Amino acid sequence: MGHPFLRFLLPLAGAFWAGCSAAHAQASVSDDVVRIGVLSDMSGLYADTAGRGSVESARMAVQDFGGKVLGKKIEVVWADHQNKADIGSTRAREWFDREGVDLIVDINNTSVAVAVNNLARERNKLVINTGGASDILTNEHCAPTAIHYTYDSYALANGAVHGILAQGKKDWFIVGVDYAFGKAMTSNLTEFVQAGGGKIVGSTFHPLNASDFSSFLLQAQASKAPVIALANATADTVNTIKAANEFGITRKQTMVPSLMFINDIHALGLKHGQGMVFATGFYWDRTDETRQWARRFFEKMKKMPSMIHAGAYSAVTQYLKAVQAAGTDDGLAVARRLKAEPLKDFFAQNGRVREDGRMVHDMFLVEVKKPDESRYPWDYYKVLSTIPGDQAFRPLSKSACKLVKAS
């Protein structure tokens, strides 16, 4: 039973330490503000699928969380990286070193994301990449405080290739964008095609935001490969497909986009997009929860959200929950907290963050509807199947991340 005096003293001690813990939690928020930076393409070819929509998604998440965490105000700031690594890294460095930004999200450009990952590692700041694609961010460029959230080139290539190989189409030609994302996606496509018994018969790379795709498509056409895979994104993907239709290429060869957003289908139109099959991390019209959130987003942005927009909302929400649970906005502490618990919301189905920083979650294989199948605006996809996260993303057994080897 213990001494009567101790029985009297222990509750007081418990209350004392609880009070100290609460005070510590309050004191451990840097600058008395939790500041979130949205670093994205705000003016270029990737702006429609990320950009201001990601800023609005982050603000929605903060508002829904209540505007404060650990009793401190939450702020959202944003900047345009202009798809240039030097501009993006300079802005991130200023945010981290002088402006008190605790978390950077979006970063929808691989070259920028690699630079920001390195800064996050050096400065113990958290980065949740909700817009970049290349899986090198959780391989050779992984960092203890860097999380890759929405999708990656491995999962997208995985979903795209398997569906087409099942149709018996074995020879592939790749048209990619000439920077880190295009090279990473080409590598992933090649890996899956060869593993499935297919062959890459050739590839070509175009400049980012190219104005003319004719020479690249003529190479693909001359290859006579049944499949032309696209290792590019947004406007580049849309313009490649439009040009392929104009040249009559799509009558004999199948176009397979590896990274496709609903915004791209909206720009392309169902007439040109119908029948294309690819993987996505989110579709607004999939469940009651996704529809409810997407309609709120539409009221503000006058367009349905891309998977980057949905991922940004989810990432900011889960980050704030982790800050609350950790009692601090310290980057490493919050990253550890995010890796400790399953993640679940309208976006993160069966979500969890692995030691390499990959947020594993269910992906979806979709097919673009025919015009006469679409019942209302933005009704563009048929969900063919759910791809469990453990099957969609690169397994840890194939990881090149040093954090995995050290664990």
Protein backbone atom coordinates (compact mmCIF):
# COMPACT_ATOMS: atom_id res chain seq x y z
CA MET A 1 0.00 0.00 0.00
CA GLY A 2 2.97 2.34 0.67
CA HIS A 3 3.50 5.13 3.17
CA PRO A 4 0.48 7.49 3.66
CA PHE A 5 2.67 10.52 2.95
CA LEU A 6 3.80 9.01 -0.37
CA ARG A 7 0.19 8.30 -1.32
CA PHE A 8 -0.48 12.00 -0.73
CA LEU A 9 2.66 13.17 -2.55
CA LEU A 10 2.46 11.06 -5.75
CA PRO A 11 -0.69 12.70 -7.18
CA LEU A 12 0.87 16.11 -6.61
CA ALA A 13 4.05 15.00 -8.39
CA GLY A 14 2.01 13.65 -11.28
CA ALA A 15 0.16 16.93 -11.61
CA PHE A 16 3.46 18.82 -11.43
CA TRP A 17 5.05 16.80 -14.25
CA ALA A 18 1.89 17.00 -16.36
CA GLY A 19 2.03 20.75 -16.01
CA CYS A 20 5.70 20.74 -16.96
CA SER A 21 4.95 18.59 -20.01
CA ALA A 22 2.21 20.99 -21.12
CA ALA A 23 4.50 23.95 -20.63
CA HIS A 24 7.25 22.16 -22.57
CA ALA A 25 4.84 21.50 -25.42
CA GLN A 26 3.94 25.17 -25.54
CA ALA A 27 7.58 26.23 -25.41
CA SER A 28 8.70 23.76 -28.09
CA VAL A 29 6.85 25.48 -30.93
CA SER A 30 9.50 27.53 -32.71
CA ASP A 31 8.73 31.26 -32.97
CA ASP A 32 5.33 30.61 -31.36
CA VAL A 33 3.98 29.85 -34.86
CA VAL A 34 3.69 26.64 -36.86
CA ARG A 35 4.47 27.86 -40.36
CA ILE A 36 3.77 25.78 -43.49
CA GLY A 37 5.30 26.69 -46.84
CA VAL A 38 3.77 25.59 -50.14
CA LEU A 39 6.59 25.53 -52.69
CA SER A 40 5.15 24.89 -56.14
CA ASP A 41 4.96 25.84 -59.79
CA MET A 42 2.60 28.80 -59.61
CA SER A 43 2.96 30.09 -63.16
CA GLY A 44 4.23 27.35 -65.49
CA LEU A 45 3.02 24.12 -67.08
CA TYR A 46 2.56 22.33 -63.73
CA ALA A 47 0.55 25.11 -62.08
CA ASP A 48 -2.90 23.74 -62.92
CA THR A 49 -2.37 20.40 -61.20
CA ALA A 50 -0.62 21.90 -58.15
CA GLY A 51 0.11 25.64 -57.74
CA ARG A 52 -2.59 27.79 -56.15
CA GLY A 53 -4.77 24.71 -55.69
CA SER A 54 -2.15 23.27 -53.32
CA VAL A 55 -2.11 26.55 -51.38
CA GLU A 56 -5.89 26.40 -51.05
CA SER A 57 -5.74 22.75 -49.98
CA ALA A 58 -3.23 23.60 -47.25
CA ARG A 59 -5.42 26.48 -46.06
CA MET A 60 -8.48 24.22 -46.00
CA ALA A 61 -6.58 21.71 -43.87
CA VAL A 62 -5.49 24.41 -41.42
CA GLN A 63 -9.01 25.78 -41.20
CA ASP A 64 -10.51 22.33 -40.62
CA PHE A 65 -7.91 21.67 -37.92
CA GLY A 66 -9.06 24.80 -36.09
CA GLY A 67 -6.31 27.26 -37.03
CA LYS A 68 -4.12 26.43 -34.04
CA VAL A 69 -1.99 23.55 -32.80
CA LEU A 70 -0.54 23.25 -29.29
CA GLY A 71 -2.20 26.58 -28.65
CA LYS A 72 -0.14 28.29 -31.34
CA LYS A 73 -1.23 29.92 -34.60
CA ILE A 74 -0.77 28.05 -37.89
CA GLU A 75 0.29 30.08 -40.92
CA VAL A 76 0.49 29.14 -44.62
CA VAL A 77 2.95 30.88 -46.94
CA TRP A 78 3.72 30.09 -50.58
CA ALA A 79 6.30 30.65 -53.30
CA ASP A 80 6.86 29.88 -56.99
CA HIS A 81 9.88 27.65 -57.68
CA GLN A 82 9.46 28.25 -61.46
CA ASN A 83 10.59 24.64 -62.07
CA LYS A 84 14.19 25.70 -61.34
CA ALA A 85 16.23 23.94 -58.68
CA ASP A 86 18.30 27.02 -57.81
CA ILE A 87 15.24 29.22 -57.32
CA GLY A 88 13.43 26.53 -55.31
CA SER A 89 16.39 25.77 -53.06
CA THR A 90 17.10 29.46 -52.45
CA ARG A 91 13.51 30.06 -51.40
CA ALA A 92 13.51 26.95 -49.17
CA ARG A 93 16.77 28.04 -47.53
CA GLU A 94 15.33 31.49 -46.78
CA TRP A 95 12.20 29.91 -45.34
CA PHE A 96 14.14 27.53 -43.13
CA ASP A 97 16.93 29.88 -42.02
CA ARG A 98 15.20 33.26 -41.68
CA GLU A 99 11.44 33.00 -41.95
CA GLY A 100 10.64 30.21 -39.50
CA VAL A 101 8.98 27.76 -41.91
CA ASP A 102 8.60 24.37 -40.22
CA LEU A 103 7.19 22.31 -43.09
CA ILE A 104 7.42 22.54 -46.88
CA VAL A 105 4.85 20.73 -49.01
CA ASP A 106 4.11 20.20 -52.73
CA ILE A 107 7.46 20.75 -54.58
CA ASN A 108 6.03 19.45 -57.85
CA ASN A 109 9.34 19.17 -59.65
CA THR A 110 11.91 16.42 -59.00
CA SER A 111 15.01 18.59 -59.46
CA VAL A 112 13.66 21.11 -56.95
CA ALA A 113 12.59 18.32 -54.58
CA VAL A 114 16.07 16.76 -54.52
CA ALA A 115 17.59 20.11 -53.56
CA VAL A 116 14.99 20.72 -50.85
CA ASN A 117 15.43 17.19 -49.45
CA ASN A 118 19.13 17.94 -48.97
CA LEU A 119 18.31 21.18 -47.13
CA ALA A 120 15.80 19.39 -44.92
CA ARG A 121 18.45 16.85 -43.96
CA GLU A 122 20.97 19.57 -43.07
CA ARG A 123 18.55 21.73 -41.09
CA ASN A 124 16.37 19.14 -39.37
CA LYS A 125 13.30 20.56 -41.11
CA LEU A 126 10.37 18.56 -42.39
CA VAL A 127 9.49 18.21 -46.08
CA ILE A 128 6.41 16.34 -47.27
CA ASN A 129 6.63 16.03 -51.03
CA THR A 130 3.07 15.89 -52.31
CA GLY A 131 3.76 16.90 -55.92
CA GLY A 132 7.07 15.47 -57.16
CA ALA A 133 7.08 12.10 -58.89
CA SER A 134 10.51 10.47 -59.02
CA ASP A 135 11.08 7.59 -56.65
CA ILE A 136 14.71 8.66 -56.24
CA LEU A 137 13.35 10.87 -53.44
CA THR A 138 12.95 7.76 -51.25
CA ASN A 139 15.99 5.97 -52.65
CA GLU A 140 19.37 7.67 -53.09
CA HIS A 141 17.96 11.07 -52.03
CA CYS A 142 16.00 9.95 -48.96
CA ALA A 143 16.36 11.93 -45.73
CA PRO A 144 15.21 11.39 -42.11
CA THR A 145 12.91 14.43 -42.31
CA ALA A 146 11.69 13.97 -45.89
CA ILE A 147 8.43 12.17 -46.71
CA HIS A 148 7.20 11.33 -50.23
CA TYR A 149 3.44 11.34 -49.96
CA THR A 150 1.05 11.28 -52.93
CA TYR A 151 2.52 9.02 -55.64
CA ASP A 152 5.83 8.22 -57.29
CA SER A 153 7.21 7.09 -60.63
CA TYR A 154 7.54 3.47 -59.47
CA ALA A 155 3.88 3.11 -58.49
CA LEU A 156 2.64 4.95 -61.58
CA ALA A 157 4.77 2.87 -63.96
CA ASN A 158 3.78 -0.29 -62.12
CA GLY A 159 0.07 0.38 -62.67
CA ALA A 160 0.44 1.57 -66.28
CA VAL A 161 2.61 -1.29 -67.52
CA HIS A 162 0.79 -4.26 -66.04
CA GLY A 163 -2.55 -3.35 -67.57
CA ILE A 164 -1.08 -3.05 -71.08
CA LEU A 165 1.17 -6.13 -70.92
CA ALA A 166 -1.93 -8.12 -70.03
CA GLN A 167 -3.26 -7.20 -73.49
CA GLY A 168 -0.30 -8.95 -75.09
CA LYS A 169 1.48 -5.77 -76.25
CA LYS A 170 5.16 -6.41 -75.61
CA ASP A 171 7.19 -3.83 -77.57
CA TRP A 172 7.34 -0.31 -76.16
CA PHE A 173 8.77 3.05 -77.22
CA ILE A 174 9.15 5.80 -74.60
CA VAL A 175 8.73 9.54 -75.17
CA GLY A 176 9.96 11.38 -72.06
CA VAL A 177 10.72 14.83 -70.76
CA ASP A 178 14.43 15.63 -70.56
CA TYR A 179 15.04 16.16 -66.85
CA ALA A 180 15.19 14.10 -63.66
CA PHE A 181 11.52 13.09 -63.61
CA GLY A 182 11.49 11.88 -67.22
CA LYS A 183 14.67 9.86 -66.72
CA ALA A 184 13.37 8.30 -63.49
CA MET A 185 10.03 7.42 -65.05
CA THR A 186 11.75 5.92 -68.09
CA SER A 187 13.87 3.76 -65.78
CA ASN A 188 10.77 2.59 -63.91
CA LEU A 189 8.84 1.84 -67.12
CA THR A 190 11.80 -0.11 -68.48
CA GLU A 191 12.07 -2.15 -65.30
CA PHE A 192 8.42 -3.21 -65.38
CA VAL A 193 8.25 -3.84 -69.13
CA GLN A 194 11.30 -6.08 -69.04
CA ALA A 195 10.14 -7.89 -65.90
CA GLY A 196 6.85 -8.63 -67.67
CA GLY A 197 8.55 -10.14 -70.69
CA GLY A 198 8.34 -7.04 -72.87
CA LYS A 199 11.02 -4.96 -74.58
CA ILE A 200 11.87 -1.26 -74.87
CA VAL A 201 12.69 -0.79 -78.56
CA GLY A 202 13.69 2.87 -78.23
CA SER A 203 13.27 6.15 -76.42
CA THR A 204 13.54 9.89 -77.02
CA PHE A 205 13.49 12.94 -74.75
CA HIS A 206 11.95 16.36 -75.37
CA PRO A 207 12.55 19.66 -73.55
CA LEU A 208 10.31 20.62 -70.65
CA ASN A 209 7.27 22.55 -71.90
CA ALA A 210 8.07 21.72 -75.52
CA SER A 211 6.28 23.61 -78.29
CA ASP A 212 6.56 20.92 -80.99
CA PHE A 213 6.39 17.15 -80.50
CA SER A 214 6.44 16.11 -84.15
CA SER A 215 10.05 14.89 -84.36
CA PHE A 216 9.73 12.87 -81.16
CA LEU A 217 6.46 11.27 -82.22
CA LEU A 218 7.80 10.45 -85.69
CA GLN A 219 10.58 8.47 -84.02
CA ALA A 220 7.98 6.61 -81.97
CA GLN A 221 5.86 5.97 -85.06
CA ALA A 222 8.86 4.70 -87.05
CA SER A 223 9.64 2.19 -84.29
CA LYS A 224 6.31 0.46 -85.05
CA ALA A 225 6.09 -0.44 -81.35
CA PRO A 226 2.50 -1.29 -80.41
CA VAL A 227 2.85 0.90 -77.29
CA ILE A 228 4.09 4.47 -76.93
CA ALA A 229 4.62 5.24 -73.25
CA LEU A 230 4.79 8.85 -72.10
CA ALA A 231 7.29 9.75 -69.38
CA ASN A 232 6.14 13.36 -69.12
CA ALA A 233 3.36 15.24 -67.36
CA THR A 234 0.55 17.84 -67.53
CA ALA A 235 0.69 20.11 -70.59
CA ASP A 236 3.51 18.08 -72.14
CA THR A 237 1.40 14.92 -71.87
CA VAL A 238 -1.73 16.63 -73.20
CA ASN A 239 0.12 18.14 -76.16
CA THR A 240 1.87 14.86 -76.97
CA ILE A 241 -1.46 13.02 -77.11
CA LYS A 242 -3.12 15.77 -79.17
CA ALA A 243 -0.25 15.70 -81.67
CA ALA A 244 -0.35 11.90 -81.86
CA ASN A 245 -4.06 12.10 -82.71
CA GLU A 246 -3.41 14.71 -85.40
CA PHE A 247 -0.72 12.51 -87.00
CA GLY A 248 -3.01 9.47 -86.91
CA ILE A 249 -0.56 7.61 -84.68
CA THR A 250 -3.22 6.57 -82.17
CA ARG A 251 -5.04 4.53 -84.82
CA LYS A 252 -2.25 1.95 -84.85
CA GLN A 253 -0.28 2.51 -81.63
CA THR A 254 -1.52 2.69 -78.05
CA MET A 255 -0.62 5.80 -76.04
CA VAL A 256 0.06 5.06 -72.38
CA PRO A 257 0.50 8.10 -70.10
CA SER A 258 2.46 7.26 -66.97
CA LEU A 259 1.47 10.40 -65.04
CA MET A 260 -2.00 11.71 -65.79
CA PHE A 261 -4.12 14.13 -63.79
CA ILE A 262 -7.85 14.72 -64.04
CA ASN A 263 -7.00 18.29 -65.07
CA ASP A 264 -5.18 16.85 -68.08
CA ILE A 265 -8.26 14.86 -69.12
CA HIS A 266 -10.33 18.03 -68.74
CA ALA A 267 -7.94 19.86 -71.08
CA LEU A 268 -7.63 16.93 -73.48
CA GLY A 269 -11.30 16.05 -73.67
CA LEU A 270 -12.88 12.61 -73.49
CA LYS A 271 -12.82 12.29 -77.28
CA HIS A 272 -9.01 12.11 -77.27
CA GLY A 273 -8.58 10.59 -73.81
CA GLN A 274 -11.16 7.79 -73.91
CA GLY A 275 -9.90 4.29 -73.19
CA MET A 276 -6.55 5.30 -71.70
CA VAL A 277 -5.63 3.29 -68.62
CA PHE A 278 -3.29 4.51 -65.88
CA ALA A 279 -2.75 4.59 -62.12
CA THR A 280 -3.73 7.46 -59.84
CA GLY A 281 -3.53 8.15 -56.14
CA PHE A 282 -6.92 9.87 -55.97
CA TYR A 283 -10.18 10.31 -57.84
CA TRP A 284 -12.68 12.86 -56.60
CA ASP A 285 -15.79 10.81 -57.50
CA ARG A 286 -14.76 7.55 -55.82
CA THR A 287 -16.48 7.72 -52.40
CA ASP A 288 -18.85 9.94 -50.46
CA GLU A 289 -15.86 11.35 -48.53
CA THR A 290 -13.88 12.20 -51.65
CA ARG A 291 -16.92 13.82 -53.25
CA GLN A 292 -17.69 15.91 -50.19
CA TRP A 293 -14.17 17.30 -49.94
CA ALA A 294 -13.80 17.76 -53.71
CA ARG A 295 -16.99 19.81 -53.92
CA ARG A 296 -15.70 22.13 -51.21
CA PHE A 297 -12.49 22.51 -53.19
CA PHE A 298 -14.47 23.16 -56.38
CA GLU A 299 -16.38 25.98 -54.70
CA LYS A 300 -13.09 27.76 -54.08
CA MET A 301 -11.09 26.86 -57.20
CA LYS A 302 -13.81 26.22 -59.84
CA LYS A 303 -12.19 22.93 -60.82
CA MET A 304 -12.02 19.46 -59.35
CA PRO A 305 -8.89 18.61 -57.35
CA SER A 306 -5.95 16.68 -58.72
CA MET A 307 -4.28 14.00 -56.63
CA ILE A 308 -1.63 16.61 -55.72
CA HIS A 309 -4.31 18.88 -54.26
CA ALA A 310 -5.88 16.04 -52.28
CA GLY A 311 -2.45 14.88 -51.15
CA ALA A 312 -1.55 18.37 -49.92
CA TYR A 313 -4.70 18.57 -47.79
CA SER A 314 -4.08 15.12 -46.34
CA ALA A 315 -0.38 15.75 -45.69
CA VAL A 316 -0.97 19.04 -43.86
CA THR A 317 -3.75 17.47 -41.79
CA GLN A 318 -1.61 14.48 -40.80
CA TYR A 319 1.35 16.78 -40.08
CA LEU A 320 -0.71 18.89 -37.68
CA LYS A 321 -1.96 15.76 -35.93
CA ALA A 322 1.65 14.63 -35.54
CA VAL A 323 2.73 18.02 -34.15
CA GLN A 324 -0.10 17.80 -31.62
CA ALA A 325 0.87 14.27 -30.62
CA ALA A 326 4.61 14.98 -30.48
CA GLY A 327 4.16 18.21 -28.51
CA THR A 328 6.63 19.99 -30.77
CA ASP A 329 7.22 21.20 -34.32
CA ASP A 330 10.78 19.84 -34.32
CA GLY A 331 11.28 18.26 -37.74
CA LEU A 332 12.80 14.96 -36.67
CA ALA A 333 10.37 14.47 -33.80
CA VAL A 334 7.35 15.07 -36.04
CA ALA A 335 8.77 12.79 -38.76
CA ARG A 336 9.17 10.01 -36.20
CA ARG A 337 5.60 10.54 -35.06
CA LEU A 338 4.29 10.34 -38.62
CA LYS A 339 6.13 7.04 -39.05
CA ALA A 340 4.74 5.64 -35.80
CA GLU A 341 1.01 5.56 -36.57
CA PRO A 342 -1.20 4.48 -39.51
CA LEU A 343 -2.60 7.34 -41.59
CA LYS A 344 -6.24 7.38 -42.62
CA ASP A 345 -8.45 10.00 -44.22
CA PHE A 346 -10.36 10.42 -47.50
CA PHE A 347 -7.04 10.38 -49.39
CA ALA A 348 -4.77 8.12 -47.35
CA GLN A 349 -6.39 4.70 -47.68
CA ASN A 350 -4.38 2.18 -45.61
CA GLY A 351 -1.60 4.75 -45.30
CA ARG A 352 1.67 4.43 -43.40
CA VAL A 353 5.05 6.13 -43.62
CA ARG A 354 8.01 3.75 -43.95
CA GLU A 355 11.53 4.33 -42.67
CA ASP A 356 12.65 5.46 -46.16
CA GLY A 357 10.02 8.24 -46.07
CA ARG A 358 7.66 6.62 -48.57
CA MET A 359 4.01 7.07 -47.57
CA VAL A 360 2.54 3.79 -48.74
CA HIS A 361 -1.18 3.83 -49.53
CA ASP A 362 -3.67 2.30 -51.94
CA MET A 363 -3.48 3.40 -55.57
CA PHE A 364 -6.23 3.04 -58.18
CA LEU A 365 -6.17 1.77 -61.74
CA VAL A 366 -8.58 3.87 -63.80
CA GLU A 367 -9.83 4.02 -67.37
CA VAL A 368 -10.94 7.23 -69.06
CA LYS A 369 -14.63 7.10 -69.98
CA LYS A 370 -16.06 7.45 -73.45
CA PRO A 371 -17.94 10.74 -74.02
CA ASP A 372 -21.32 8.99 -73.89
CA GLU A 373 -20.44 7.32 -70.57
CA SER A 374 -19.86 10.62 -68.75
CA ARG A 375 -22.97 11.63 -66.79
CA TYR A 376 -21.98 15.07 -65.50
CA PRO A 377 -19.02 17.52 -65.56
CA TRP A 378 -15.71 16.00 -64.42
CA ASP A 379 -17.19 12.46 -64.52
CA TYR A 380 -14.14 11.12 -66.33
CA TYR A 381 -12.91 7.86 -64.78
CA LYS A 382 -14.00 4.30 -64.29
CA VAL A 383 -12.13 2.80 -61.33
CA LEU A 384 -11.01 -0.62 -62.57
CA SER A 385 -9.29 -1.86 -59.43
CA THR A 386 -7.58 -0.92 -56.18
CA ILE A 387 -3.84 -1.56 -56.04
CA PRO A 388 -2.81 -2.20 -52.40
CA GLY A 389 0.04 0.04 -51.32
CA ASP A 390 2.41 -2.85 -50.61
CA GLN A 391 1.99 -3.95 -54.24
CA ALA A 392 2.00 -0.47 -55.78
CA PHE A 393 5.18 1.01 -54.32
CA ARG A 394 8.79 -0.17 -54.40
CA PRO A 395 9.36 -2.76 -51.66
CA LEU A 396 11.95 -1.99 -49.03
CA SER A 397 13.89 -5.06 -50.19
CA LYS A 398 14.68 -3.09 -53.38
CA SER A 399 15.37 0.21 -51.64
CA ALA A 400 18.61 2.14 -52.09
CA CYS A 401 17.86 4.39 -49.10
CA LYS A 402 20.61 4.43 -46.47
CA LEU A 403 18.02 4.81 -43.73
CA VAL A 404 16.73 1.34 -44.57
CA LYS A 405 20.18 -0.24 -44.63
CA ALA A 406 20.98 1.34 -41.26
CA SER A 407 17.73 0.20 -39.63
